[in-house]
Amino acid sequence: MKNNKLNEMSIEEISNLVKEEKQKYLRMKFNHSVSPLANPIELRVQRRNVAKALTALNKK
């Protein structure tokens, strides 16, 4: 996820994106606890995507 893309989005779009990304992260985390992911680094990337979206939301 690029910061430029987040800066162009509205507050509502970013808040919806945060909800979706958090849900995706929680699903990935749960699935990883049940059966290991092929690439566990995806969890880190997803967590950082959530953080980037939250930062962009707080800036606005």
C-alpha atoms as a PDB file:
ATOM      1  CA  MET A   1       0.000   0.000   0.000  1.00  0.00           C
ATOM      2  CA  LYS A   2       1.427   3.345  -1.013  1.00  0.00           C
ATOM      3  CA  ASN A   3       1.225   6.453   1.137  1.00  0.00           C
ATOM      4  CA  ASN A   4       0.331   8.547  -1.917  1.00  0.00           C
ATOM      5  CA  LYS A   5      -2.751   6.423  -2.466  1.00  0.00           C
ATOM      6  CA  LEU A   6      -3.791   6.858   1.169  1.00  0.00           C
ATOM      7  CA  ASN A   7      -3.309  10.625   1.047  1.00  0.00           C
ATOM      8  CA  GLU A   8      -5.701  10.891  -1.899  1.00  0.00           C
ATOM      9  CA  MET A   9      -8.474   8.959  -0.138  1.00  0.00           C
ATOM     10  CA  SER A  10     -11.232  10.545   1.931  1.00  0.00           C
ATOM     11  CA  ILE A  11     -11.659   9.958   5.653  1.00  0.00           C
ATOM     12  CA  GLU A  12     -14.568   7.567   5.109  1.00  0.00           C
ATOM     13  CA  GLU A  13     -12.622   5.539   2.558  1.00  0.00           C
ATOM     14  CA  ILE A  14      -9.639   5.266   4.878  1.00  0.00           C
ATOM     15  CA  SER A  15     -11.782   4.217   7.841  1.00  0.00           C
ATOM     16  CA  ASN A  16     -13.426   1.515   5.710  1.00  0.00           C
ATOM     17  CA  LEU A  17      -9.990   0.406   4.555  1.00  0.00           C
ATOM     18  CA  VAL A  18      -8.802   0.176   8.171  1.00  0.00           C
ATOM     19  CA  LYS A  19     -11.747  -2.064   9.067  1.00  0.00           C
ATOM     20  CA  GLU A  20     -11.136  -4.327   6.073  1.00  0.00           C
ATOM     21  CA  GLU A  21      -7.390  -4.557   6.671  1.00  0.00           C
ATOM     22  CA  LYS A  22      -7.877  -5.352  10.374  1.00  0.00           C
ATOM     23  CA  GLN A  23     -10.339  -8.113   9.542  1.00  0.00           C
ATOM     24  CA  LYS A  24      -7.970  -9.515   6.942  1.00  0.00           C
ATOM     25  CA  TYR A  25      -5.098  -9.432   9.451  1.00  0.00           C
ATOM     26  CA  LEU A  26      -7.130 -11.199  12.146  1.00  0.00           C
ATOM     27  CA  ARG A  27      -8.217 -13.904   9.677  1.00  0.00           C
ATOM     28  CA  MET A  28      -4.623 -14.422   8.579  1.00  0.00           C
ATOM     29  CA  LYS A  29      -3.442 -14.590  12.194  1.00  0.00           C
ATOM     30  CA  PHE A  30      -6.106 -17.142  13.090  1.00  0.00           C
ATOM     31  CA  ASN A  31      -5.381 -19.252  10.012  1.00  0.00           C
ATOM     32  CA  HIS A  32      -1.682 -19.150  10.825  1.00  0.00           C
ATOM     33  CA  SER A  33      -2.337 -20.464  14.331  1.00  0.00           C
ATOM     34  CA  VAL A  34      -4.385 -23.366  12.940  1.00  0.00           C
ATOM     35  CA  SER A  35      -2.093 -24.238  10.055  1.00  0.00           C
ATOM     36  CA  PRO A  36       1.100 -22.370   9.183  1.00  0.00           C
ATOM     37  CA  LEU A  37       1.012 -19.904   6.315  1.00  0.00           C
ATOM     38  CA  ALA A  38       3.263 -20.509   3.339  1.00  0.00           C
ATOM     39  CA  ASN A  39       4.870 -17.122   3.930  1.00  0.00           C
ATOM     40  CA  PRO A  40       4.554 -15.918   7.545  1.00  0.00           C
ATOM     41  CA  ILE A  41       6.103 -12.561   6.594  1.00  0.00           C
ATOM     42  CA  GLU A  42       2.673 -11.731   5.132  1.00  0.00           C
ATOM     43  CA  LEU A  43       1.460 -11.230   8.716  1.00  0.00           C
ATOM     44  CA  ARG A  44       4.044  -8.504   9.251  1.00  0.00           C
ATOM     45  CA  VAL A  45       3.190  -6.836   5.954  1.00  0.00           C
ATOM     46  CA  GLN A  46      -0.518  -6.889   6.754  1.00  0.00           C
ATOM     47  CA  ARG A  47       0.049  -5.477  10.255  1.00  0.00           C
ATOM     48  CA  ARG A  48       2.105  -2.657   8.766  1.00  0.00           C
ATOM     49  CA  ASN A  49      -0.622  -1.939   6.205  1.00  0.00           C
ATOM     50  CA  VAL A  50      -3.075  -1.478   9.074  1.00  0.00           C
ATOM     51  CA  ALA A  51      -0.637   0.864  10.817  1.00  0.00           C
ATOM     52  CA  LYS A  52      -0.103   2.929   7.658  1.00  0.00           C
ATOM     53  CA  ALA A  53      -3.855   3.295   7.173  1.00  0.00           C
ATOM     54  CA  LEU A  54      -4.354   4.324  10.807  1.00  0.00           C
ATOM     55  CA  THR A  55      -1.546   6.882  10.518  1.00  0.00           C
ATOM     56  CA  ALA A  56      -3.102   8.350   7.378  1.00  0.00           C
ATOM     57  CA  LEU A  57      -6.460   8.511   9.135  1.00  0.00           C
ATOM     58  CA  ASN A  58      -4.966  10.314  12.144  1.00  0.00           C
ATOM     59  CA  LYS A  59      -3.244  12.835   9.874  1.00  0.00           C
ATOM     60  CA  LYS A  60      -6.591  13.885   8.440  1.00  0.00           C
END
